[in-house]
N, C-alpha and C. Protein backbone atom coordinates (compact mmCIF):
# COMPACT_ATOMS: atom_id res chain seq x y z
N MET A 1 0.81 -1.06 0.33
CA MET A 1 0.07 -0.08 -0.33
C MET A 1 0.48 1.21 -0.33
N GLY A 2 1.01 1.96 -0.65
CA GLY A 2 1.69 3.41 -1.30
C GLY A 2 2.99 3.09 -1.07
N GLU A 3 3.56 2.44 -0.92
CA GLU A 3 4.63 2.91 -1.70
C GLU A 3 5.56 3.15 -2.69
N LEU A 4 4.12 3.83 -4.08
CA LEU A 4 4.79 4.86 -4.40
C LEU A 4 4.73 6.03 -4.37
N LEU A 5 4.24 6.52 -3.36
CA LEU A 5 3.95 7.83 -2.36
C LEU A 5 5.51 8.23 -1.88
N ASN A 6 5.85 9.30 -2.73
CA ASN A 6 6.78 9.84 -2.60
C ASN A 6 6.75 11.72 -2.38
N ILE A 7 7.11 12.19 -0.73
CA ILE A 7 6.79 14.13 -0.39
C ILE A 7 8.17 14.17 -0.89
N THR A 8 7.77 15.52 -1.31
CA THR A 8 9.04 16.05 -1.24
C THR A 8 8.42 17.75 -0.48
N GLN A 9 10.05 17.57 0.49
CA GLN A 9 9.35 18.45 1.47
C GLN A 9 11.30 19.35 0.69
N HIS A 10 10.67 21.01 1.21
CA HIS A 10 11.45 22.01 0.25
C HIS A 10 12.39 22.47 1.36
N GLU A 11 13.00 23.14 1.21
CA GLU A 11 13.83 23.80 2.09
C GLU A 11 13.07 25.47 3.16
N CYS A 12 13.31 24.36 4.46
CA CYS A 12 12.98 25.92 5.65
C CYS A 12 13.34 27.22 5.92
N LYS A 13 12.61 28.15 6.05
CA LYS A 13 13.58 29.29 6.02
C LYS A 13 13.65 29.36 7.19
N GLY A 14 12.37 28.69 7.46
CA GLY A 14 12.57 29.47 9.54
C GLY A 14 13.35 28.45 10.57
N VAL A 15 13.05 28.03 11.59
CA VAL A 15 14.28 27.02 12.35
C VAL A 15 13.25 26.50 12.50
N CYS A 16 13.52 25.11 12.27
CA CYS A 16 12.44 23.86 12.57
C CYS A 16 13.62 22.56 13.09
N PRO A 17 13.07 21.96 14.38
CA PRO A 17 13.96 20.68 14.68
C PRO A 17 13.39 19.70 13.68
N TRP A 18 13.59 19.59 13.35
CA TRP A 18 13.45 18.58 12.11
C TRP A 18 13.87 18.99 10.51
N HIS A 19 13.40 19.86 10.32
CA HIS A 19 13.75 20.01 8.73
C HIS A 19 14.58 21.90 8.74
N LYS A 20 15.71 21.56 7.76
CA LYS A 20 16.55 22.71 7.10
C LYS A 20 16.39 22.32 5.38
N GLU A 21 17.28 21.62 5.61
CA GLU A 21 16.77 21.71 3.49
C GLU A 21 16.21 21.02 3.19
N GLY A 22 16.11 21.25 2.03
CA GLY A 22 15.03 19.92 1.18
C GLY A 22 15.28 18.36 1.29
N ARG A 23 14.05 17.27 1.12
CA ARG A 23 14.60 16.62 1.09
C ARG A 23 13.12 15.99 0.42
N ASP A 24 13.40 14.55 0.04
CA ASP A 24 12.55 13.63 -1.01
C ASP A 24 12.05 12.70 -0.01
N TYR A 25 11.11 11.39 0.80
CA TYR A 25 11.47 11.21 1.61
C TYR A 25 9.96 10.53 1.40
N SER A 26 10.20 8.49 1.18
CA SER A 26 10.14 7.42 0.48
C SER A 26 9.03 6.69 1.35
N PHE A 27 8.08 5.64 1.21
CA PHE A 27 6.74 5.91 1.67
C PHE A 27 7.61 5.31 3.50
N ALA A 28 8.40 4.45 3.64
CA ALA A 28 9.22 3.78 4.51
C ALA A 28 9.80 5.16 6.00
N GLU A 29 9.96 6.08 5.02
CA GLU A 29 10.26 7.20 5.71
C GLU A 29 9.15 8.35 6.19
N ILE A 30 8.27 7.78 5.69
CA ILE A 30 7.02 8.83 5.96
C ILE A 30 5.88 8.39 7.20
N PHE A 31 5.70 6.88 6.62
CA PHE A 31 4.89 6.00 7.75
C PHE A 31 5.80 5.10 8.04
N PRO A 32 6.57 4.78 9.60
CA PRO A 32 8.17 4.26 9.84
C PRO A 32 6.79 2.71 10.16
N ASN A 33 6.97 2.14 9.26
CA ASN A 33 6.11 0.74 9.67
C ASN A 33 5.04 0.24 10.02
N VAL A 34 3.94 1.31 9.75
CA VAL A 34 2.72 1.03 9.80
C VAL A 34 1.40 1.34 8.92
N CYS A 35 0.67 1.36 8.56
CA CYS A 35 -0.30 1.92 8.24
C CYS A 35 -0.26 3.09 8.11
N PRO A 36 -0.54 3.64 7.09
CA PRO A 36 -0.60 5.03 7.24
C PRO A 36 -2.31 5.61 7.56
N TYR A 37 -3.39 4.45 8.26
CA TYR A 37 -4.43 5.07 8.37
C TYR A 37 -4.45 4.32 10.08
N LEU A 38 -4.13 3.61 10.49
CA LEU A 38 -4.10 3.93 11.68
C LEU A 38 -2.96 4.68 12.12
N TYR A 39 -1.67 4.60 12.19
CA TYR A 39 -1.12 6.09 12.18
C TYR A 39 -1.69 7.50 12.57
N HIS A 40 -2.07 7.60 11.65
CA HIS A 40 -3.67 9.03 11.31
C HIS A 40 -4.27 8.86 12.46
N SER A 41 -4.46 7.48 12.94
CA SER A 41 -5.44 7.70 14.41
C SER A 41 -4.60 7.59 15.42
N LEU A 42 -3.00 7.07 15.16
CA LEU A 42 -2.55 7.92 16.63
C LEU A 42 -1.52 8.93 16.66
N TYR A 43 -1.72 10.01 15.98
CA TYR A 43 -1.02 10.47 15.50
C TYR A 43 -1.75 11.71 16.21
N PRO A 44 -2.95 12.30 16.77
CA PRO A 44 -3.10 12.96 18.37
C PRO A 44 -3.30 12.38 19.59
N TYR A 45 -2.88 10.86 19.66
CA TYR A 45 -2.64 10.26 21.04
C TYR A 45 -1.48 10.95 21.88
N PHE A 46 0.11 10.26 20.28
CA PHE A 46 1.05 10.60 20.25
C PHE A 46 1.20 12.24 20.84
N LEU A 47 1.23 13.11 19.57
CA LEU A 47 1.36 14.56 19.70
C LEU A 47 0.99 14.50 21.53
N GLY A 48 0.00 14.17 21.68
CA GLY A 48 -0.91 14.53 23.85
C GLY A 48 0.97 13.88 24.60
N LEU A 49 1.11 12.54 24.43
CA LEU A 49 2.16 11.69 25.44
C LEU A 49 3.07 12.97 24.71
N LEU A 50 3.74 13.89 23.85
CA LEU A 50 4.92 14.08 23.50
C LEU A 50 4.49 15.30 24.51
N TYR A 51 3.01 15.73 24.37
CA TYR A 51 3.27 17.88 25.10
C TYR A 51 3.05 17.71 26.31
N GLY A 52 3.15 16.16 26.81
CA GLY A 52 2.90 15.99 28.58
C GLY A 52 0.94 15.46 29.22
N ALA A 53 0.40 15.24 28.17
CA ALA A 53 -0.91 14.99 28.53
C ALA A 53 -0.56 13.34 29.49
N GLU A 54 -0.01 13.53 30.44
CA GLU A 54 0.17 12.06 31.37
C GLU A 54 -0.51 11.54 30.97
N SER A 55 -2.26 11.69 31.56
CA SER A 55 -3.44 11.00 31.07
C SER A 55 -3.58 10.47 30.13
N MET A 56 -3.01 10.37 28.88
CA MET A 56 -3.27 9.85 27.87
C MET A 56 -2.12 8.20 27.77
N GLN A 57 -1.22 8.21 28.76
CA GLN A 57 -0.91 6.84 29.27
C GLN A 57 -1.87 5.88 28.89
N ASP A 58 -1.29 4.99 28.52
CA ASP A 58 -2.55 3.28 28.47
C ASP A 58 -3.37 3.71 27.46
N ILE A 59 -3.65 4.98 26.77
CA ILE A 59 -5.04 4.97 26.26
C ILE A 59 -5.44 4.15 25.44
N TRP A 60 -6.21 3.20 25.30
CA TRP A 60 -6.15 2.57 23.58
C TRP A 60 -6.93 3.30 22.32
N VAL A 61 -6.41 3.48 21.52
CA VAL A 61 -6.27 3.79 20.01
C VAL A 61 -6.72 2.56 18.45
N CYS A 62 -7.22 2.56 18.17
CA CYS A 62 -7.38 1.60 16.64
C CYS A 62 -7.48 2.10 15.68
N CYS A 63 -7.50 1.61 14.76
CA CYS A 63 -7.89 1.94 13.24
C CYS A 63 -9.38 1.63 13.08
N PRO A 64 -9.91 2.54 11.45
CA PRO A 64 -11.04 2.73 11.62
C PRO A 64 -11.72 1.53 10.73
N ALA A 65 -10.43 0.05 10.93
CA ALA A 65 -10.93 0.01 9.69
C ALA A 65 -12.35 -1.17 10.94
N GLU A 66 -13.29 -1.84 10.27
CA GLU A 66 -14.74 -2.47 11.67
C GLU A 66 -14.07 -3.54 11.69
N PHE A 67 -13.14 -3.96 11.65
CA PHE A 67 -12.16 -5.43 11.89
C PHE A 67 -10.40 -5.31 11.83
N GLY A 68 -9.65 -4.08 13.54
CA GLY A 68 -9.47 -3.46 12.79
C GLY A 68 -8.25 -4.02 13.70
N VAL A 69 -6.95 -3.32 13.92
CA VAL A 69 -5.88 -3.42 14.62
C VAL A 69 -6.29 -2.51 16.50
N ASP A 70 -6.02 -3.17 17.49
CA ASP A 70 -5.94 -2.25 19.06
C ASP A 70 -4.75 -1.87 18.82
N THR A 71 -4.91 -1.11 19.60
CA THR A 71 -3.44 -0.38 19.78
C THR A 71 -3.42 0.04 21.41
N TYR A 72 -2.26 0.08 22.60
CA TYR A 72 -2.25 0.82 23.41
C TYR A 72 -1.42 2.35 23.76
N VAL A 73 -1.37 3.07 23.71
CA VAL A 73 -0.47 4.10 23.51
C VAL A 73 0.20 3.94 24.84
N ARG A 74 2.15 4.63 24.91
CA ARG A 74 2.50 4.49 25.91
C ARG A 74 3.71 5.54 25.03
N LYS A 75 4.14 5.96 26.69
CA LYS A 75 5.55 6.81 26.69
C LYS A 75 6.18 6.27 27.93
N VAL A 76 7.18 6.29 27.87
CA VAL A 76 8.23 5.63 28.79
C VAL A 76 9.56 5.09 28.26
N ASP A 77 10.70 4.69 30.37
CA ASP A 77 12.37 5.93 29.39
C ASP A 77 12.21 4.58 28.43
N ASN A 78 12.97 4.60 28.51
CA ASN A 78 13.41 3.50 27.19
C ASN A 78 15.40 2.60 27.91
N ARG A 79 14.76 1.18 27.85
CA ARG A 79 15.45 0.38 28.66
C ARG A 79 15.83 -0.56 27.81
N GLY A 80 16.49 -0.18 26.39
CA GLY A 80 17.71 -1.01 25.37
C GLY A 80 16.29 -1.75 25.09
N GLU A 81 15.33 -1.31 24.47
CA GLU A 81 14.40 -2.20 24.21
C GLU A 81 14.32 -1.23 22.64
N PHE A 82 14.80 -0.43 22.70
CA PHE A 82 14.28 0.56 20.93
C PHE A 82 15.91 0.76 20.75
N ASP A 83 15.73 0.81 19.39
CA ASP A 83 17.04 1.05 18.91
C ASP A 83 17.10 3.28 18.79
N ILE A 84 17.15 3.29 20.68
CA ILE A 84 17.64 4.88 20.85
C ILE A 84 18.61 4.86 22.13
N PRO A 85 19.00 5.98 21.82
CA PRO A 85 19.45 6.13 23.36
C PRO A 85 18.99 5.71 24.37
N ASP A 86 19.40 4.88 25.55
CA ASP A 86 19.10 4.05 26.34
C ASP A 86 18.44 5.21 27.41
N ASP A 87 18.98 6.04 27.65
CA ASP A 87 18.46 7.36 28.82
C ASP A 87 17.38 8.08 28.12
N TRP A 88 17.15 7.56 27.13
CA TRP A 88 15.95 8.64 26.21
C TRP A 88 14.28 8.30 26.55
N TRP A 89 13.11 8.42 26.47
CA TRP A 89 12.08 7.90 26.56
C TRP A 89 11.77 7.92 25.49
N VAL A 90 10.68 6.96 24.78
CA VAL A 90 9.81 6.73 23.18
C VAL A 90 8.54 6.57 23.74
N ILE A 91 7.87 7.18 22.85
CA ILE A 91 6.29 6.75 22.83
C ILE A 91 6.38 6.07 21.14
N TYR A 92 5.69 5.74 21.82
CA TYR A 92 5.31 4.59 20.91
C TYR A 92 3.43 3.91 20.99
N ALA A 93 3.02 2.99 20.04
CA ALA A 93 1.58 2.00 20.59
C ALA A 93 1.98 1.27 20.16
N GLU A 94 1.44 -0.31 20.65
CA GLU A 94 1.91 -1.26 20.97
C GLU A 94 0.42 -2.25 20.51
N VAL A 95 0.55 -3.18 19.92
CA VAL A 95 -0.60 -4.10 18.79
C VAL A 95 -0.89 -5.19 20.63
N VAL A 96 -2.53 -5.01 20.78
CA VAL A 96 -2.52 -5.76 21.64
C VAL A 96 -3.65 -6.44 21.12
N LYS A 97 -4.44 -6.22 19.99
CA LYS A 97 -5.30 -6.89 19.71
C LYS A 97 -5.85 -7.10 17.63
N VAL A 98 -5.70 -8.41 16.54
CA VAL A 98 -5.81 -7.90 15.52
C VAL A 98 -7.09 -8.57 15.37
N ASN A 99 -8.18 -7.98 15.12
CA ASN A 99 -9.72 -8.28 15.08
C ASN A 99 -10.12 -9.11 13.37
N GLY A 100 -8.88 -9.04 12.51
CA GLY A 100 -9.27 -9.60 11.10
C GLY A 100 -8.10 -9.83 10.45
N ASP A 101 -8.82 -9.86 9.28
CA ASP A 101 -6.98 -9.80 8.69
C ASP A 101 -6.24 -7.93 7.66
N CYS A 102 -5.78 -7.47 8.71
CA CYS A 102 -4.59 -7.01 8.31
C CYS A 102 -3.84 -7.07 6.86
N PRO A 103 -4.19 -5.56 5.97
CA PRO A 103 -3.83 -6.09 4.96
C PRO A 103 -1.99 -5.91 4.87
N HIS A 104 -1.68 -4.47 6.04
CA HIS A 104 -0.27 -4.30 5.89
C HIS A 104 0.88 -5.33 7.13
N GLY A 105 -0.65 -5.98 7.67
CA GLY A 105 0.80 -7.31 8.64
C GLY A 105 0.70 -7.12 9.87
N HIS A 106 0.29 -5.73 10.79
CA HIS A 106 0.54 -5.74 12.40
C HIS A 106 -0.26 -7.14 12.99
N GLU A 107 0.92 -7.24 13.54
CA GLU A 107 0.72 -8.59 14.84
C GLU A 107 0.58 -8.41 16.33
N VAL A 108 -0.16 -8.95 17.14
CA VAL A 108 0.17 -8.22 18.61
C VAL A 108 1.20 -8.62 18.60
N GLY A 109 1.56 -7.28 19.85
CA GLY A 109 3.10 -7.28 20.25
C GLY A 109 4.38 -6.56 19.00
N ASP A 110 3.94 -6.03 17.49
CA ASP A 110 3.96 -5.14 17.16
C ASP A 110 4.01 -3.45 17.69
N LYS A 111 5.28 -2.49 17.53
CA LYS A 111 5.24 -1.52 18.29
C LYS A 111 5.68 -0.87 18.30
N ILE A 112 4.78 0.59 16.92
CA ILE A 112 4.69 2.00 16.54
C ILE A 112 5.08 2.79 17.26
N VAL A 113 6.47 2.40 17.03
CA VAL A 113 7.49 3.85 17.54
C VAL A 113 6.81 5.60 16.33
N PHE A 114 6.47 6.36 17.76
CA PHE A 114 6.56 7.96 17.43
C PHE A 114 7.67 8.30 17.08
N PRO A 115 8.05 8.58 15.76
CA PRO A 115 9.44 8.95 15.11
C PRO A 115 10.29 10.23 15.90
N THR A 116 10.28 10.91 16.61
CA THR A 116 10.20 11.37 17.34
C THR A 116 12.07 11.99 17.89
N CYS A 117 12.74 10.05 17.94
CA CYS A 117 13.69 10.36 18.15
C CYS A 117 14.88 9.93 17.51
N TRP A 118 14.05 10.12 15.97
CA TRP A 118 14.87 9.76 14.74
C TRP A 118 14.60 10.85 13.36
N LYS A 119 14.75 12.11 14.58
CA LYS A 119 14.27 13.13 13.49
C LYS A 119 15.11 13.61 11.86
N LYS A 120 16.57 12.49 12.12
CA LYS A 120 17.31 12.87 10.50
C LYS A 120 16.99 11.82 9.72
N LYS A 121 15.81 10.39 9.76
CA LYS A 121 15.60 9.73 9.34
C LYS A 121 14.39 9.91 8.30
N TYR A 122 13.04 10.42 9.60
CA TYR A 122 11.82 10.20 9.09
C TYR A 122 11.51 11.50 9.22
N ILE A 123 9.95 11.85 8.31
CA ILE A 123 9.94 13.24 7.89
C ILE A 123 8.83 13.82 8.94
N CYS A 124 9.01 15.02 10.03
CA CYS A 124 8.10 14.95 10.08
C CYS A 124 6.44 15.15 10.79
N PRO A 125 6.04 14.33 11.53
CA PRO A 125 4.84 13.95 11.86
C PRO A 125 3.80 14.74 11.52
N ALA A 126 3.71 16.36 12.47
CA ALA A 126 3.34 17.06 12.19
C ALA A 126 2.74 16.90 10.90
N GLY A 127 3.50 17.33 9.56
CA GLY A 127 3.65 17.65 8.53
C GLY A 127 3.09 17.12 7.85
N VAL A 128 3.39 15.41 8.35
CA VAL A 128 2.22 14.76 7.61
C VAL A 128 0.96 14.24 7.79
N ASN A 129 0.41 14.95 8.95
CA ASN A 129 -0.63 14.66 9.62
C ASN A 129 -1.30 16.30 8.57
N ASN A 130 -0.32 16.95 8.95
CA ASN A 130 -1.55 18.42 8.51
C ASN A 130 -1.79 18.00 6.89
N ILE A 131 -1.30 17.00 5.64
CA ILE A 131 -0.89 17.15 4.58
C ILE A 131 -1.45 15.67 4.43
N PHE A 132 -2.48 15.08 5.50
CA PHE A 132 -2.78 13.35 5.13
C PHE A 132 -3.71 13.83 4.47
N PRO A 133 -4.89 14.64 4.07
CA PRO A 133 -6.07 14.61 3.70
C PRO A 133 -5.73 14.59 1.99
N PHE A 134 -4.62 14.78 1.50
CA PHE A 134 -4.34 14.86 0.29
C PHE A 134 -2.97 14.05 -0.39
N LEU A 135 -2.99 13.16 0.67
CA LEU A 135 -2.65 12.34 0.08
C LEU A 135 -3.41 11.05 -0.67
N ASP A 136 -2.55 10.67 -2.10
CA ASP A 136 -3.77 9.13 -3.26
C ASP A 136 -2.89 8.08 -2.44
N LEU A 137 -3.78 7.97 -1.17
CA LEU A 137 -2.99 6.54 -0.43
C LEU A 137 -4.65 5.69 -1.06
N GLU A 138 -4.15 4.09 -1.40
CA GLU A 138 -4.68 3.02 -2.09
C GLU A 138 -5.49 3.11 -0.35
N VAL A 139 -7.02 2.78 -0.19
CA VAL A 139 -8.01 2.51 0.63
C VAL A 139 -7.53 1.00 0.67
N PRO A 140 -7.02 0.51 1.39
CA PRO A 140 -6.80 -1.25 2.05
C PRO A 140 -8.20 -1.49 1.95
N LYS A 141 -8.09 -2.71 1.27
CA LYS A 141 -9.14 -3.45 1.93
C LYS A 141 -10.26 -4.17 2.49
N CYS A 142 -8.98 -3.73 4.08
CA CYS A 142 -9.60 -3.53 5.23
C CYS A 142 -11.32 -2.39 5.81
N ILE A 143 -11.46 -2.03 4.92
CA ILE A 143 -11.86 -0.02 5.75
C ILE A 143 -13.26 -0.02 4.46
N ASN A 144 -13.79 -0.53 5.37
CA ASN A 144 -15.72 -0.67 5.11
C ASN A 144 -16.31 0.90 4.91
N LYS A 145 -16.06 1.97 4.25
CA LYS A 145 -16.67 2.99 4.82
C LYS A 145 -18.37 3.06 4.90
N LYS A 146 -18.97 2.38 4.60
CA LYS A 146 -20.31 1.86 5.53
C LYS A 146 -19.92 1.74 7.05
N ARG A 147 -18.89 0.83 7.66
CA ARG A 147 -18.59 0.81 8.72
C ARG A 147 -17.00 0.89 9.60
N LEU A 148 -17.07 2.25 9.70
CA LEU A 148 -15.39 2.40 10.21
C LEU A 148 -15.40 2.71 11.91
N ARG A 149 -14.16 2.42 12.27
CA ARG A 149 -15.04 2.40 13.80
C ARG A 149 -13.93 4.07 14.12
N CYS A 150 -14.77 4.57 15.52
CA CYS A 150 -14.04 4.93 16.15
C CYS A 150 -13.07 5.10 16.78
N THR A 151 -12.18 6.09 17.14
CA THR A 151 -10.86 5.33 17.93
C THR A 151 -10.58 4.76 18.99
N ASP A 152 -11.52 4.67 19.28
CA ASP A 152 -12.56 4.21 20.93
C ASP A 152 -12.12 2.79 20.63
N TRP A 153 -11.76 1.73 20.75
CA TRP A 153 -11.93 0.31 20.76
C TRP A 153 -13.05 -0.02 22.31
N LYS A 154 -12.61 0.70 22.86
CA LYS A 154 -13.55 -0.34 23.81
C LYS A 154 -14.78 0.01 24.02
N GLN A 155 -15.13 1.06 23.07
CA GLN A 155 -16.41 1.23 22.99
C GLN A 155 -17.10 0.85 21.40
N ASP A 156 -18.19 0.64 21.32
CA ASP A 156 -18.54 -0.18 19.89
C ASP A 156 -19.77 1.39 19.25
N VAL A 157 -18.35 2.53 18.61
CA VAL A 157 -18.91 2.83 18.16
C VAL A 157 -19.17 3.08 16.31
N TYR A 158 -19.18 2.93 14.99
CA TYR A 158 -19.35 2.53 14.26
C TYR A 158 -19.71 3.75 13.61
N TYR A 159 -19.54 4.93 12.59
CA TYR A 159 -19.72 5.55 11.60
C TYR A 159 -20.01 4.87 10.45
N GLY A 160 -20.87 5.39 8.92
CA GLY A 160 -21.37 5.27 7.99
C GLY A 160 -21.54 6.66 7.29
N ILE A 161 -20.26 6.33 6.37
CA ILE A 161 -19.44 7.49 4.94
C ILE A 161 -21.02 6.80 3.75
N GLU A 162 -21.24 7.22 3.26
CA GLU A 162 -23.12 7.20 2.75
C GLU A 162 -22.28 7.72 0.84
N ASP A 163 -22.11 7.61 -0.28
CA ASP A 163 -22.44 8.87 -1.70
C ASP A 163 -23.71 9.22 -1.60
N LYS A 164 -23.76 10.79 -1.99
CA LYS A 164 -25.59 10.64 -2.19
C LYS A 164 -25.32 11.42 -3.16
């Protein structure tokens, strides 16, 4: 899904901790080992933990697929588990349940890291979130527009999008 996607980030005229010079990003550098639709659902919760919303620790978030992936979002001190210095903290989502056939291949135990610790490797997540509606992504077969889940997977809330 989306392997042909490429984003060009133009030269930054201001002071940005992520970008200074222009650069092209491949799909793998845009969505770090994660389904774009799941990543888009996770982003606000990652951002909350980044800016100190500690009440979001272990919050449950899922992808929009009717029979999709359920995760817990966490911020922890790294103790050798992640490929970053041990004295850093890391924000990630851990897959705790896969309710159907995930075309992206997510499995229980997968850890999806918010790439704030890898600024030179990945594109800025805020930028990607802002341009997400304009990305020409293939909708995966797991998405049923007539039965889309709320991000709160502990509740059975679904939405339907109908063409008029």
